[in-house]
Each structure stands twice: as C-alpha cells, then as structure tokens.
PDB file of N, CA and C in Angstrom:
ATOM      1  N   MET A   1       0.844  -1.175   0.000  1.00  0.00           N
ATOM      2  CA  MET A   1       0.000   0.000   0.000  1.00  0.00           C
ATOM      3  C   MET A   1       0.897   1.250   0.000  1.00  0.00           C
ATOM      4  N   PRO A   2       0.597   2.231  -0.845  1.00  0.00           N
ATOM      5  CA  PRO A   2       1.409   3.447  -0.895  1.00  0.00           C
ATOM      6  C   PRO A   2       1.261   4.259   0.399  1.00  0.00           C
ATOM      7  N   GLU A   3       2.310   4.988   0.701  1.00  0.00           N
ATOM      8  CA  GLU A   3       2.321   5.838   1.894  1.00  0.00           C
ATOM      9  C   GLU A   3       1.377   7.023   1.682  1.00  0.00           C
ATOM     10  N   PRO A   4       0.537   7.346   2.660  1.00  0.00           N
ATOM     11  CA  PRO A   4      -0.384   8.482   2.486  1.00  0.00           C
ATOM     12  C   PRO A   4       0.345   9.820   2.556  1.00  0.00           C
ATOM     13  N   TRP A   5      -0.200  10.800   1.867  1.00  0.00           N
ATOM     14  CA  TRP A   5       0.317  12.165   1.948  1.00  0.00           C
ATOM     15  C   TRP A   5      -0.289  12.817   3.179  1.00  0.00           C
ATOM     16  N   LEU A   6       0.530  13.549   3.934  1.00  0.00           N
ATOM     17  CA  LEU A   6       0.062  14.233   5.130  1.00  0.00           C
ATOM     18  C   LEU A   6       0.060  15.738   4.909  1.00  0.00           C
ATOM     19  N   SER A   7      -0.801  16.416   5.645  1.00  0.00           N
ATOM     20  CA  SER A   7      -0.891  17.878   5.556  1.00  0.00           C
ATOM     21  C   SER A   7       0.092  18.531   6.515  1.00  0.00           C
ATOM     22  N   ALA A   8       0.230  19.844   6.400  1.00  0.00           N
ATOM     23  CA  ALA A   8       1.072  20.601   7.327  1.00  0.00           C
ATOM     24  C   ALA A   8       0.545  20.460   8.751  1.00  0.00           C
ATOM     25  N   ASP A   9      -0.770  20.436   8.912  1.00  0.00           N
ATOM     26  CA  ASP A   9      -1.363  20.224  10.238  1.00  0.00           C
ATOM     27  C   ASP A   9      -0.943  18.880  10.815  1.00  0.00           C
ATOM     28  N   ASP A  10      -1.000  17.839   9.982  1.00  0.00           N
ATOM     29  CA  ASP A  10      -0.621  16.495  10.437  1.00  0.00           C
ATOM     30  C   ASP A  10       0.840  16.446  10.876  1.00  0.00           C
ATOM     31  N   ILE A  11       1.719  17.078  10.110  1.00  0.00           N
ATOM     32  CA  ILE A  11       3.149  17.076  10.429  1.00  0.00           C
ATOM     33  C   ILE A  11       3.413  17.885  11.691  1.00  0.00           C
ATOM     34  N   ALA A  12       2.720  19.012  11.851  1.00  0.00           N
ATOM     35  CA  ALA A  12       2.881  19.822  13.063  1.00  0.00           C
ATOM     36  C   ALA A  12       2.507  19.010  14.298  1.00  0.00           C
ATOM     37  N   VAL A  13       1.419  18.281  14.232  1.00  0.00           N
ATOM     38  CA  VAL A  13       1.001  17.439  15.363  1.00  0.00           C
ATOM     39  C   VAL A  13       2.029  16.342  15.601  1.00  0.00           C
ATOM     40  N   ARG A  14       2.495  15.701  14.542  1.00  0.00           N
ATOM     41  CA  ARG A  14       3.463  14.600  14.660  1.00  0.00           C
ATOM     42  C   ARG A  14       4.764  15.060  15.310  1.00  0.00           C
ATOM     43  N   LEU A  15       5.234  16.276  14.961  1.00  0.00           N
ATOM     44  CA  LEU A  15       6.509  16.783  15.474  1.00  0.00           C
ATOM     45  C   LEU A  15       6.349  17.661  16.712  1.00  0.00           C
ATOM     46  N   VAL A  16       5.113  17.893  17.124  1.00  0.00           N
ATOM     47  CA  VAL A  16       4.784  18.733  18.276  1.00  0.00           C
ATOM     48  C   VAL A  16       5.382  20.137  18.101  1.00  0.00           C
ATOM     49  N   ILE A  17       5.063  20.743  16.966  1.00  0.00           N
ATOM     50  CA  ILE A  17       5.471  22.102  16.636  1.00  0.00           C
ATOM     51  C   ILE A  17       4.250  22.817  16.060  1.00  0.00           C
ATOM     52  N   THR A  18       4.380  24.115  15.823  1.00  0.00           N
ATOM     53  CA  THR A  18       3.269  24.840  15.211  1.00  0.00           C
ATOM     54  C   THR A  18       3.325  24.708  13.685  1.00  0.00           C
ATOM     55  N   LYS A  19       2.203  24.968  13.074  1.00  0.00           N
ATOM     56  CA  LYS A  19       2.161  24.945  11.612  1.00  0.00           C
ATOM     57  C   LYS A  19       3.052  26.038  11.028  1.00  0.00           C
ATOM     58  N   ASP A  20       3.160  27.174  11.705  1.00  0.00           N
ATOM     59  CA  ASP A  20       4.065  28.236  11.253  1.00  0.00           C
ATOM     60  C   ASP A  20       5.506  27.747  11.235  1.00  0.00           C
ATOM     61  N   THR A  21       5.894  26.941  12.221  1.00  0.00           N
ATOM     62  CA  THR A  21       7.243  26.384  12.256  1.00  0.00           C
ATOM     63  C   THR A  21       7.445  25.427  11.086  1.00  0.00           C
ATOM     64  N   VAL A  22       6.439  24.656  10.746  1.00  0.00           N
ATOM     65  CA  VAL A  22       6.534  23.757   9.588  1.00  0.00           C
ATOM     66  C   VAL A  22       6.870  24.567   8.342  1.00  0.00           C
ATOM     67  N   TYR A  23       6.127  25.643   8.098  1.00  0.00           N
ATOM     68  CA  TYR A  23       6.367  26.458   6.910  1.00  0.00           C
ATOM     69  C   TYR A  23       7.742  27.130   6.949  1.00  0.00           C
ATOM     70  N   SER A  24       8.153  27.556   8.128  1.00  0.00           N
ATOM     71  CA  SER A  24       9.481  28.152   8.282  1.00  0.00           C
ATOM     72  C   SER A  24      10.567  27.139   7.960  1.00  0.00           C
ATOM     73  N   TRP A  25      10.432  25.918   8.465  1.00  0.00           N
ATOM     74  CA  TRP A  25      11.427  24.872   8.221  1.00  0.00           C
ATOM     75  C   TRP A  25      11.474  24.469   6.753  1.00  0.00           C
ATOM     76  N   ILE A  26      10.340  24.512   6.061  1.00  0.00           N
ATOM     77  CA  ILE A  26      10.343  24.235   4.619  1.00  0.00           C
ATOM     78  C   ILE A  26      11.199  25.289   3.912  1.00  0.00           C
ATOM     79  N   ALA A  27      10.951  26.551   4.236  1.00  0.00           N
ATOM     80  CA  ALA A  27      11.631  27.658   3.554  1.00  0.00           C
ATOM     81  C   ALA A  27      13.098  27.792   3.941  1.00  0.00           C
ATOM     82  N   ASP A  28      13.400  27.593   5.221  1.00  0.00           N
ATOM     83  CA  ASP A  28      14.729  27.932   5.720  1.00  0.00           C
ATOM     84  C   ASP A  28      15.630  26.739   6.032  1.00  0.00           C
ATOM     85  N   LYS A  29      15.061  25.596   6.293  1.00  0.00           N
ATOM     86  CA  LYS A  29      15.853  24.470   6.800  1.00  0.00           C
ATOM     87  C   LYS A  29      15.799  23.225   5.927  1.00  0.00           C
ATOM     88  N   GLY A  30      15.168  23.311   4.782  1.00  0.00           N
ATOM     89  CA  GLY A  30      15.171  22.184   3.865  1.00  0.00           C
ATOM     90  C   GLY A  30      14.283  21.020   4.262  1.00  0.00           C
ATOM     91  N   MET A  31      13.239  21.286   5.045  1.00  0.00           N
ATOM     92  CA  MET A  31      12.306  20.213   5.387  1.00  0.00           C
ATOM     93  C   MET A  31      11.699  19.672   4.094  1.00  0.00           C
ATOM     94  N   PRO A  32      11.725  18.347   3.907  1.00  0.00           N
ATOM     95  CA  PRO A  32      11.184  17.789   2.665  1.00  0.00           C
ATOM     96  C   PRO A  32       9.669  17.962   2.580  1.00  0.00           C
ATOM     97  N   ALA A  33       9.238  18.626   1.537  1.00  0.00           N
ATOM     98  CA  ALA A  33       7.818  18.881   1.317  1.00  0.00           C
ATOM     99  C   ALA A  33       7.564  18.960  -0.179  1.00  0.00           C
ATOM    100  N   HIS A  34       6.342  18.690  -0.555  1.00  0.00           N
ATOM    101  CA  HIS A  34       5.955  18.697  -1.969  1.00  0.00           C
ATOM    102  C   HIS A  34       4.759  19.622  -2.124  1.00  0.00           C
ATOM    103  N   LYS A  35       4.884  20.589  -3.025  1.00  0.00           N
ATOM    104  CA  LYS A  35       3.780  21.502  -3.286  1.00  0.00           C
ATOM    105  C   LYS A  35       2.846  20.838  -4.289  1.00  0.00           C
ATOM    106  N   ILE A  36       1.629  20.618  -3.874  1.00  0.00           N
ATOM    107  CA  ILE A  36       0.609  20.016  -4.731  1.00  0.00           C
ATOM    108  C   ILE A  36      -0.511  21.040  -4.840  1.00  0.00           C
ATOM    109  N   GLY A  37      -0.587  21.661  -6.012  1.00  0.00           N
ATOM    110  CA  GLY A  37      -1.493  22.800  -6.146  1.00  0.00           C
ATOM    111  C   GLY A  37      -0.965  23.926  -5.281  1.00  0.00           C
ATOM    112  N   ARG A  38      -1.785  24.396  -4.352  1.00  0.00           N
ATOM    113  CA  ARG A  38      -1.325  25.437  -3.433  1.00  0.00           C
ATOM    114  C   ARG A  38      -1.061  24.902  -2.033  1.00  0.00           C
ATOM    115  N   LEU A  39      -1.140  23.594  -1.861  1.00  0.00           N
ATOM    116  CA  LEU A  39      -0.947  22.969  -0.553  1.00  0.00           C
ATOM    117  C   LEU A  39       0.395  22.254  -0.456  1.00  0.00           C
ATOM    118  N   TRP A  40       0.994  22.283   0.721  1.00  0.00           N
ATOM    119  CA  TRP A  40       2.193  21.503   0.993  1.00  0.00           C
ATOM    120  C   TRP A  40       1.769  20.146   1.515  1.00  0.00           C
ATOM    121  N   LYS A  41       2.371  19.102   0.979  1.00  0.00           N
ATOM    122  CA  LYS A  41       2.098  17.732   1.417  1.00  0.00           C
ATOM    123  C   LYS A  41       3.407  17.059   1.791  1.00  0.00           C
ATOM    124  N   PHE A  42       3.326  16.071   2.644  1.00  0.00           N
ATOM    125  CA  PHE A  42       4.501  15.444   3.232  1.00  0.00           C
ATOM    126  C   PHE A  42       4.359  13.934   3.245  1.00  0.00           C
ATOM    127  N   GLN A  43       5.508  13.264   3.143  1.00  0.00           N
ATOM    128  CA  GLN A  43       5.576  11.820   3.306  1.00  0.00           C
ATOM    129  C   GLN A  43       6.236  11.563   4.663  1.00  0.00           C
ATOM    130  N   THR A  44       5.611  10.732   5.478  1.00  0.00           N
ATOM    131  CA  THR A  44       6.126  10.452   6.814  1.00  0.00           C
ATOM    132  C   THR A  44       7.564   9.949   6.772  1.00  0.00           C
ATOM    133  N   SER A  45       7.861   9.069   5.837  1.00  0.00           N
ATOM    134  CA  SER A  45       9.213   8.498   5.770  1.00  0.00           C
ATOM    135  C   SER A  45      10.261   9.572   5.483  1.00  0.00           C
ATOM    136  N   GLU A  46       9.947  10.536   4.623  1.00  0.00           N
ATOM    137  CA  GLU A  46      10.888  11.615   4.312  1.00  0.00           C
ATOM    138  C   GLU A  46      11.108  12.512   5.524  1.00  0.00           C
ATOM    139  N   ILE A  47      10.040  12.823   6.232  1.00  0.00           N
ATOM    140  CA  ILE A  47      10.144  13.664   7.429  1.00  0.00           C
ATOM    141  C   ILE A  47      10.943  12.939   8.509  1.00  0.00           C
ATOM    142  N   ASP A  48      10.649  11.666   8.713  1.00  0.00           N
ATOM    143  CA  ASP A  48      11.375  10.887   9.725  1.00  0.00           C
ATOM    144  C   ASP A  48      12.866  10.829   9.405  1.00  0.00           C
ATOM    145  N   ASP A  49      13.209  10.612   8.154  1.00  0.00           N
ATOM    146  CA  ASP A  49      14.631  10.587   7.742  1.00  0.00           C
ATOM    147  C   ASP A  49      15.289  11.948   7.969  1.00  0.00           C
ATOM    148  N   TRP A  50      14.584  13.020   7.635  1.00  0.00           N
ATOM    149  CA  TRP A  50      15.104  14.372   7.805  1.00  0.00           C
ATOM    150  C   TRP A  50      15.369  14.679   9.278  1.00  0.00           C
ATOM    151  N   VAL A  51      14.430  14.295  10.145  1.00  0.00           N
ATOM    152  CA  VAL A  51      14.604  14.524  11.577  1.00  0.00           C
ATOM    153  C   VAL A  51      15.780  13.707  12.097  1.00  0.00           C
ATOM    154  N   ARG A  52      15.868  12.429  11.703  1.00  0.00           N
ATOM    155  CA  ARG A  52      16.978  11.575  12.147  1.00  0.00           C
ATOM    156  C   ARG A  52      18.330  12.131  11.707  1.00  0.00           C
ATOM    157  N   ALA A  53      18.365  12.800  10.568  1.00  0.00           N
ATOM    158  CA  ALA A  53      19.605  13.380  10.050  1.00  0.00           C
ATOM    159  C   ALA A  53      19.935  14.720  10.717  1.00  0.00           C
ATOM    160  N   GLY A  54      19.097  15.153  11.635  1.00  0.00           N
ATOM    161  CA  GLY A  54      19.364  16.385  12.366  1.00  0.00           C
ATOM    162  C   GLY A  54      18.646  17.596  11.827  1.00  0.00           C
ATOM    163  N   GLY A  55      17.691  17.407  10.949  1.00  0.00           N
ATOM    164  CA  GLY A  55      16.985  18.534  10.342  1.00  0.00           C
ATOM    165  C   GLY A  55      16.255  19.419  11.320  1.00  0.00           C
ATOM    166  N   GLY A  56      15.834  18.882  12.441  1.00  0.00           N
ATOM    167  CA  GLY A  56      15.096  19.679  13.410  1.00  0.00           C
ATOM    168  C   GLY A  56      15.919  20.135  14.590  1.00  0.00           C
ATOM    169  N   GLU A  57      17.232  19.961  14.548  1.00  0.00           N
ATOM    170  CA  GLU A  57      18.083  20.334  15.681  1.00  0.00           C
ATOM    171  C   GLU A  57      18.129  21.836  15.864  1.00  0.00           C
ATOM    172  N   ALA A  58      18.154  22.255  17.102  1.00  0.00           N
ATOM    173  CA  ALA A  58      18.188  23.683  17.429  1.00  0.00           C
ATOM    174  C   ALA A  58      19.441  24.342  16.855  1.00  0.00           C
ATOM    175  N   SER A  59      20.565  23.620  16.825  1.00  0.00           N
ATOM    176  CA  SER A  59      21.803  24.218  16.339  1.00  0.00           C
ATOM    177  C   SER A  59      21.724  24.560  14.857  1.00  0.00           C
ATOM    178  N   ARG A  60      20.892  23.868  14.114  1.00  0.00           N
ATOM    179  CA  ARG A  60      20.732  24.159  12.688  1.00  0.00           C
ATOM    180  C   ARG A  60      19.743  25.300  12.463  1.00  0.00           C
ATOM    181  N   LEU A  61      18.907  25.584  13.444  1.00  0.00           N
ATOM    182  CA  LEU A  61      17.835  26.542  13.243  1.00  0.00           C
ATOM    183  C   LEU A  61      18.323  27.981  13.305  1.00  0.00           C
ATOM    184  N   GLY A  62      19.341  28.238  14.083  1.00  0.00           N
ATOM    185  CA  GLY A  62      19.847  29.593  14.198  1.00  0.00           C
ATOM    186  C   GLY A  62      18.856  30.500  14.898  1.00  0.00           C
ATOM    187  N   PRO A  63      19.112  31.783  14.946  1.00  0.00           N
ATOM    188  CA  PRO A  63      18.213  32.722  15.635  1.00  0.00           C
ATOM    189  C   PRO A  63      16.920  32.908  14.852  1.00  0.00           C
ATOM    190  N   ASN A  64      15.826  32.993  15.580  1.00  0.00           N
ATOM    191  CA  ASN A  64      14.516  33.244  14.960  1.00  0.00           C
ATOM    192  C   ASN A  64      13.901  34.496  15.487  1.00  0.00           C
TER     193      ASN A  64
END
C-alpha cells in the first residue's frame, strides 16, 4: 500500500510544533515537502529521515 500524503497540520502534530514552524522549516531548513497545487504535502518516511539526520536540531535553526 502506498504511503499516504500528510498535511502541514498532520506534520505539526506529529513533530509537536506549530504549523508556522513547519512552513518556516520548509523555507529555511530544507524540510522535505511537496507543493501540490497550493498545498504543501509530506511523506512520513521523508520527514522521519530528515529529523533523524538532524533537520530539526536547534543548532541548525539559528536565531529566529
């Protein structure tokens, strides 16, 4: 069965962050996301790999 596409809301809940942080991380930190129409969609496996590689670390985020 193919992996379902998740919304920004779903990813925010999964990572326990705000939706604004999701959009910021897409723009500034290379969070893997796919623009489908005007919506951002996510694959759980890509997000999990990105987090494991340190994508969500505070040291990479810099000042906000």
